[in-house]
Amino acid sequence: MSEIKIITPAELEAKLEAGEQLEIVDVREDEEVQMGMIGEAKHIPMNEIPANLDQFDKEKEYIFVCRSGRRSENVCHYLQEQGFKVVNMTGGMLEWTGEVVFK
C-alpha cells in the first residue's frame, strides 16, 4: 500500500490564511460536524464517500479531515486506490486550532 501524503492542522491553517484554494472534505458524522467544522470544508460522511465518487475530480488534490485522523486516513487509502490525489490531515479536528463554522 502506498504512502498517504499528510498535512498537519497548522500547515492547513497556514495555507488557508494565505488564501490558497483547497479542496477539503470532512468525513465525520453529522452530529460531529455540528460541533464545528473548517469553513472551507465540504461535508461528506465517510460511509457516503463510495456513493459520491462523482463529486471528486482526479485532477484535483483533496484534503480529508475527521476527528482524530484515522477515518480520514482510511478514506484516503480507499480514494487513492480509485486513482484520486489525497492528503490526510493528521491529528484531525482534535488538533485543529483554527476557526470553525457551525453548519
N, C-alpha and C. Protein backbone atom coordinates (compact mmCIF):
# COMPACT_ATOMS: atom_id res chain seq x y z
N MET A 1 0.85 -1.19 0.00
CA MET A 1 0.00 0.00 0.00
C MET A 1 0.89 1.25 0.00
N SER A 2 0.62 2.15 -0.91
CA SER A 2 1.50 3.32 -0.99
C SER A 2 1.20 4.33 0.11
N GLU A 3 2.21 5.12 0.39
CA GLU A 3 2.10 6.12 1.45
C GLU A 3 1.04 7.16 1.12
N ILE A 4 0.38 7.62 2.16
CA ILE A 4 -0.60 8.70 2.01
C ILE A 4 0.10 10.00 2.39
N LYS A 5 -0.05 11.02 1.56
CA LYS A 5 0.52 12.32 1.92
C LYS A 5 -0.23 12.86 3.13
N ILE A 6 0.49 13.59 3.99
CA ILE A 6 -0.16 14.16 5.17
C ILE A 6 0.08 15.66 5.24
N ILE A 7 -0.80 16.30 5.98
CA ILE A 7 -0.67 17.72 6.28
C ILE A 7 -1.06 17.88 7.75
N THR A 8 -0.37 18.75 8.47
CA THR A 8 -0.75 18.98 9.87
C THR A 8 -1.83 20.05 9.91
N PRO A 9 -2.60 20.09 11.01
CA PRO A 9 -3.60 21.15 11.14
C PRO A 9 -2.98 22.54 11.00
N ALA A 10 -1.79 22.74 11.57
CA ALA A 10 -1.13 24.05 11.49
C ALA A 10 -0.76 24.40 10.05
N GLU A 11 -0.28 23.41 9.30
CA GLU A 11 0.07 23.65 7.89
C GLU A 11 -1.17 24.00 7.08
N LEU A 12 -2.26 23.28 7.35
CA LEU A 12 -3.50 23.55 6.62
C LEU A 12 -4.02 24.94 6.94
N GLU A 13 -3.98 25.30 8.21
CA GLU A 13 -4.44 26.63 8.63
C GLU A 13 -3.62 27.72 7.93
N ALA A 14 -2.30 27.51 7.85
CA ALA A 14 -1.43 28.50 7.20
C ALA A 14 -1.77 28.64 5.72
N LYS A 15 -2.06 27.52 5.05
CA LYS A 15 -2.43 27.57 3.63
C LYS A 15 -3.74 28.34 3.44
N LEU A 16 -4.71 28.08 4.32
CA LEU A 16 -5.99 28.78 4.22
C LEU A 16 -5.81 30.27 4.47
N GLU A 17 -4.99 30.61 5.47
CA GLU A 17 -4.74 32.02 5.79
C GLU A 17 -4.04 32.72 4.63
N ALA A 18 -3.24 31.96 3.86
CA ALA A 18 -2.54 32.52 2.71
C ALA A 18 -3.47 32.65 1.50
N GLY A 19 -4.71 32.20 1.67
CA GLY A 19 -5.68 32.33 0.60
C GLY A 19 -5.65 31.23 -0.44
N GLU A 20 -4.98 30.13 -0.14
CA GLU A 20 -4.93 29.04 -1.11
C GLU A 20 -6.31 28.43 -1.29
N GLN A 21 -6.64 28.09 -2.53
CA GLN A 21 -7.90 27.42 -2.83
C GLN A 21 -7.68 25.92 -2.64
N LEU A 22 -8.26 25.36 -1.61
CA LEU A 22 -8.06 23.96 -1.29
C LEU A 22 -9.37 23.20 -1.32
N GLU A 23 -9.27 21.93 -1.64
CA GLU A 23 -10.44 21.04 -1.62
C GLU A 23 -10.35 20.25 -0.31
N ILE A 24 -11.18 20.63 0.66
CA ILE A 24 -11.16 19.98 1.97
C ILE A 24 -12.47 19.23 2.15
N VAL A 25 -12.38 17.99 2.60
CA VAL A 25 -13.58 17.18 2.81
C VAL A 25 -13.56 16.65 4.24
N ASP A 26 -14.63 16.95 4.97
CA ASP A 26 -14.79 16.48 6.35
C ASP A 26 -15.62 15.20 6.29
N VAL A 27 -15.06 14.09 6.77
CA VAL A 27 -15.75 12.81 6.66
C VAL A 27 -16.40 12.35 7.97
N ARG A 28 -16.53 13.28 8.92
CA ARG A 28 -17.15 12.92 10.20
C ARG A 28 -18.66 12.77 10.03
N GLU A 29 -19.28 12.24 11.07
CA GLU A 29 -20.74 12.09 11.07
C GLU A 29 -21.42 13.45 11.29
N ASP A 30 -22.71 13.51 10.96
CA ASP A 30 -23.47 14.76 11.06
C ASP A 30 -23.37 15.40 12.45
N GLU A 31 -23.54 14.58 13.50
CA GLU A 31 -23.53 15.15 14.86
C GLU A 31 -22.16 15.69 15.22
N GLU A 32 -21.09 15.15 14.62
CA GLU A 32 -19.75 15.66 14.90
C GLU A 32 -19.51 17.01 14.24
N VAL A 33 -19.96 17.16 12.99
CA VAL A 33 -19.70 18.43 12.31
C VAL A 33 -20.55 19.55 12.92
N GLN A 34 -21.62 19.21 13.61
CA GLN A 34 -22.42 20.24 14.28
C GLN A 34 -21.63 20.92 15.39
N MET A 35 -20.55 20.28 15.84
CA MET A 35 -19.71 20.88 16.88
C MET A 35 -18.68 21.82 16.27
N GLY A 36 -18.76 22.00 14.97
CA GLY A 36 -17.87 22.93 14.28
C GLY A 36 -17.00 22.24 13.26
N MET A 37 -16.87 22.87 12.10
CA MET A 37 -16.00 22.33 11.07
C MET A 37 -15.24 23.46 10.39
N ILE A 38 -14.20 23.09 9.65
CA ILE A 38 -13.42 24.08 8.91
C ILE A 38 -14.35 24.69 7.86
N GLY A 39 -14.39 26.01 7.83
CA GLY A 39 -15.35 26.71 6.97
C GLY A 39 -15.28 26.34 5.51
N GLU A 40 -14.07 26.09 5.00
CA GLU A 40 -13.89 25.79 3.58
C GLU A 40 -14.19 24.33 3.24
N ALA A 41 -14.43 23.52 4.26
CA ALA A 41 -14.62 22.09 4.03
C ALA A 41 -16.01 21.76 3.52
N LYS A 42 -16.05 20.70 2.72
CA LYS A 42 -17.31 20.12 2.28
C LYS A 42 -17.54 18.92 3.18
N HIS A 43 -18.79 18.66 3.57
CA HIS A 43 -19.07 17.54 4.46
C HIS A 43 -19.64 16.36 3.67
N ILE A 44 -18.89 15.26 3.67
CA ILE A 44 -19.39 14.00 3.10
C ILE A 44 -19.02 12.92 4.11
N PRO A 45 -19.99 12.40 4.88
CA PRO A 45 -19.66 11.37 5.87
C PRO A 45 -18.91 10.19 5.23
N MET A 46 -18.01 9.60 5.99
CA MET A 46 -17.15 8.53 5.49
C MET A 46 -17.93 7.46 4.74
N ASN A 47 -19.05 7.01 5.31
CA ASN A 47 -19.78 5.90 4.68
C ASN A 47 -20.50 6.31 3.40
N GLU A 48 -20.54 7.61 3.09
CA GLU A 48 -21.19 8.08 1.87
C GLU A 48 -20.18 8.36 0.75
N ILE A 49 -18.87 8.26 1.07
CA ILE A 49 -17.84 8.55 0.06
C ILE A 49 -17.99 7.66 -1.19
N PRO A 50 -18.13 6.32 -1.05
CA PRO A 50 -18.21 5.50 -2.26
C PRO A 50 -19.36 5.91 -3.19
N ALA A 51 -20.47 6.35 -2.62
CA ALA A 51 -21.62 6.75 -3.44
C ALA A 51 -21.45 8.13 -4.05
N ASN A 52 -20.42 8.86 -3.61
CA ASN A 52 -20.22 10.24 -4.07
C ASN A 52 -18.94 10.43 -4.87
N LEU A 53 -18.42 9.35 -5.45
CA LEU A 53 -17.16 9.46 -6.19
C LEU A 53 -17.26 10.45 -7.34
N ASP A 54 -18.48 10.64 -7.86
CA ASP A 54 -18.65 11.59 -8.98
C ASP A 54 -18.43 13.04 -8.55
N GLN A 55 -18.35 13.29 -7.25
CA GLN A 55 -18.09 14.65 -6.77
C GLN A 55 -16.60 14.97 -6.74
N PHE A 56 -15.77 13.97 -7.02
CA PHE A 56 -14.32 14.16 -6.97
C PHE A 56 -13.74 14.21 -8.38
N ASP A 57 -12.71 15.03 -8.53
CA ASP A 57 -12.04 15.24 -9.81
C ASP A 57 -10.62 14.70 -9.68
N LYS A 58 -10.22 13.80 -10.57
CA LYS A 58 -8.89 13.19 -10.46
C LYS A 58 -7.76 14.19 -10.72
N GLU A 59 -8.09 15.37 -11.24
CA GLU A 59 -7.07 16.39 -11.46
C GLU A 59 -6.78 17.21 -10.20
N LYS A 60 -7.69 17.15 -9.24
CA LYS A 60 -7.55 17.96 -8.03
C LYS A 60 -7.03 17.11 -6.88
N GLU A 61 -6.45 17.80 -5.90
CA GLU A 61 -5.98 17.12 -4.69
C GLU A 61 -6.95 17.46 -3.57
N TYR A 62 -7.33 16.45 -2.81
CA TYR A 62 -8.30 16.62 -1.73
C TYR A 62 -7.65 16.36 -0.38
N ILE A 63 -8.01 17.21 0.57
CA ILE A 63 -7.51 17.06 1.94
C ILE A 63 -8.67 16.53 2.78
N PHE A 64 -8.46 15.41 3.43
CA PHE A 64 -9.52 14.78 4.22
C PHE A 64 -9.30 15.00 5.71
N VAL A 65 -10.42 15.26 6.40
CA VAL A 65 -10.41 15.63 7.81
C VAL A 65 -11.44 14.76 8.54
N CYS A 66 -11.08 14.29 9.74
CA CYS A 66 -12.06 13.66 10.62
C CYS A 66 -11.75 14.11 12.05
N ARG A 67 -12.17 13.35 13.04
CA ARG A 67 -11.97 13.79 14.42
C ARG A 67 -10.51 13.65 14.84
N SER A 68 -9.90 12.49 14.53
CA SER A 68 -8.53 12.25 15.00
C SER A 68 -7.53 11.97 13.89
N GLY A 69 -8.02 11.75 12.67
CA GLY A 69 -7.13 11.45 11.56
C GLY A 69 -7.16 10.00 11.10
N ARG A 70 -7.85 9.12 11.84
CA ARG A 70 -7.90 7.70 11.47
C ARG A 70 -8.89 7.44 10.34
N ARG A 71 -10.13 7.93 10.49
CA ARG A 71 -11.13 7.68 9.44
C ARG A 71 -10.72 8.35 8.14
N SER A 72 -10.20 9.58 8.26
CA SER A 72 -9.79 10.27 7.03
C SER A 72 -8.64 9.52 6.36
N GLU A 73 -7.77 8.89 7.15
CA GLU A 73 -6.68 8.09 6.56
C GLU A 73 -7.26 6.91 5.79
N ASN A 74 -8.28 6.26 6.35
CA ASN A 74 -8.92 5.14 5.66
C ASN A 74 -9.56 5.60 4.36
N VAL A 75 -10.22 6.75 4.39
CA VAL A 75 -10.83 7.31 3.19
C VAL A 75 -9.74 7.60 2.15
N CYS A 76 -8.62 8.14 2.60
CA CYS A 76 -7.51 8.43 1.69
C CYS A 76 -7.02 7.16 1.00
N HIS A 77 -6.85 6.07 1.75
CA HIS A 77 -6.39 4.82 1.14
C HIS A 77 -7.40 4.36 0.09
N TYR A 78 -8.67 4.42 0.43
CA TYR A 78 -9.72 3.99 -0.50
C TYR A 78 -9.69 4.83 -1.78
N LEU A 79 -9.67 6.16 -1.64
CA LEU A 79 -9.73 7.02 -2.81
C LEU A 79 -8.44 6.96 -3.63
N GLN A 80 -7.31 6.79 -2.95
CA GLN A 80 -6.05 6.69 -3.68
C GLN A 80 -6.07 5.44 -4.57
N GLU A 81 -6.67 4.36 -4.05
CA GLU A 81 -6.81 3.14 -4.85
C GLU A 81 -7.70 3.37 -6.07
N GLN A 82 -8.62 4.34 -5.98
CA GLN A 82 -9.50 4.65 -7.10
C GLN A 82 -8.85 5.64 -8.07
N GLY A 83 -7.63 6.08 -7.73
CA GLY A 83 -6.90 6.96 -8.63
C GLY A 83 -6.98 8.44 -8.30
N PHE A 84 -7.45 8.78 -7.09
CA PHE A 84 -7.56 10.19 -6.71
C PHE A 84 -6.32 10.65 -5.94
N LYS A 85 -6.09 11.98 -5.99
CA LYS A 85 -4.97 12.58 -5.24
C LYS A 85 -5.50 12.99 -3.88
N VAL A 86 -4.92 12.45 -2.84
CA VAL A 86 -5.44 12.66 -1.49
C VAL A 86 -4.36 13.05 -0.50
N VAL A 87 -4.79 13.79 0.54
CA VAL A 87 -3.91 14.18 1.64
C VAL A 87 -4.71 13.99 2.92
N ASN A 88 -4.10 13.43 3.94
CA ASN A 88 -4.77 13.26 5.22
C ASN A 88 -4.30 14.32 6.21
N MET A 89 -5.25 14.99 6.88
CA MET A 89 -4.87 15.93 7.94
C MET A 89 -4.67 15.12 9.21
N THR A 90 -3.42 15.03 9.65
CA THR A 90 -3.10 14.26 10.84
C THR A 90 -3.65 14.96 12.09
N GLY A 91 -4.00 14.18 13.08
CA GLY A 91 -4.49 14.76 14.33
C GLY A 91 -5.95 15.18 14.29
N GLY A 92 -6.49 15.32 13.08
CA GLY A 92 -7.90 15.65 12.93
C GLY A 92 -8.33 16.92 13.63
N MET A 93 -9.65 17.03 13.81
CA MET A 93 -10.21 18.23 14.44
C MET A 93 -9.82 18.35 15.90
N LEU A 94 -9.37 17.26 16.51
CA LEU A 94 -8.90 17.33 17.91
C LEU A 94 -7.72 18.30 18.02
N GLU A 95 -6.92 18.40 16.93
CA GLU A 95 -5.74 19.26 16.97
C GLU A 95 -5.92 20.55 16.17
N TRP A 96 -7.10 20.75 15.61
CA TRP A 96 -7.35 21.97 14.81
C TRP A 96 -7.54 23.15 15.75
N THR A 97 -6.74 24.20 15.55
CA THR A 97 -6.86 25.39 16.41
C THR A 97 -7.42 26.58 15.65
N GLY A 98 -7.66 26.38 14.35
CA GLY A 98 -8.19 27.47 13.54
C GLY A 98 -9.67 27.71 13.80
N GLU A 99 -10.23 28.62 13.02
CA GLU A 99 -11.65 28.93 13.17
C GLU A 99 -12.49 27.75 12.72
N VAL A 100 -13.66 27.66 13.31
CA VAL A 100 -14.64 26.67 12.84
C VAL A 100 -15.95 27.39 12.59
N VAL A 101 -16.75 26.77 11.74
CA VAL A 101 -18.09 27.28 11.48
C VAL A 101 -19.09 26.22 11.91
N PHE A 102 -20.29 26.65 12.15
CA PHE A 102 -21.35 25.74 12.57
C PHE A 102 -22.39 25.72 11.49
N LYS A 103 -22.58 24.57 10.87
CA LYS A 103 -23.49 24.46 9.74
C LYS A 103 -24.79 23.82 10.17
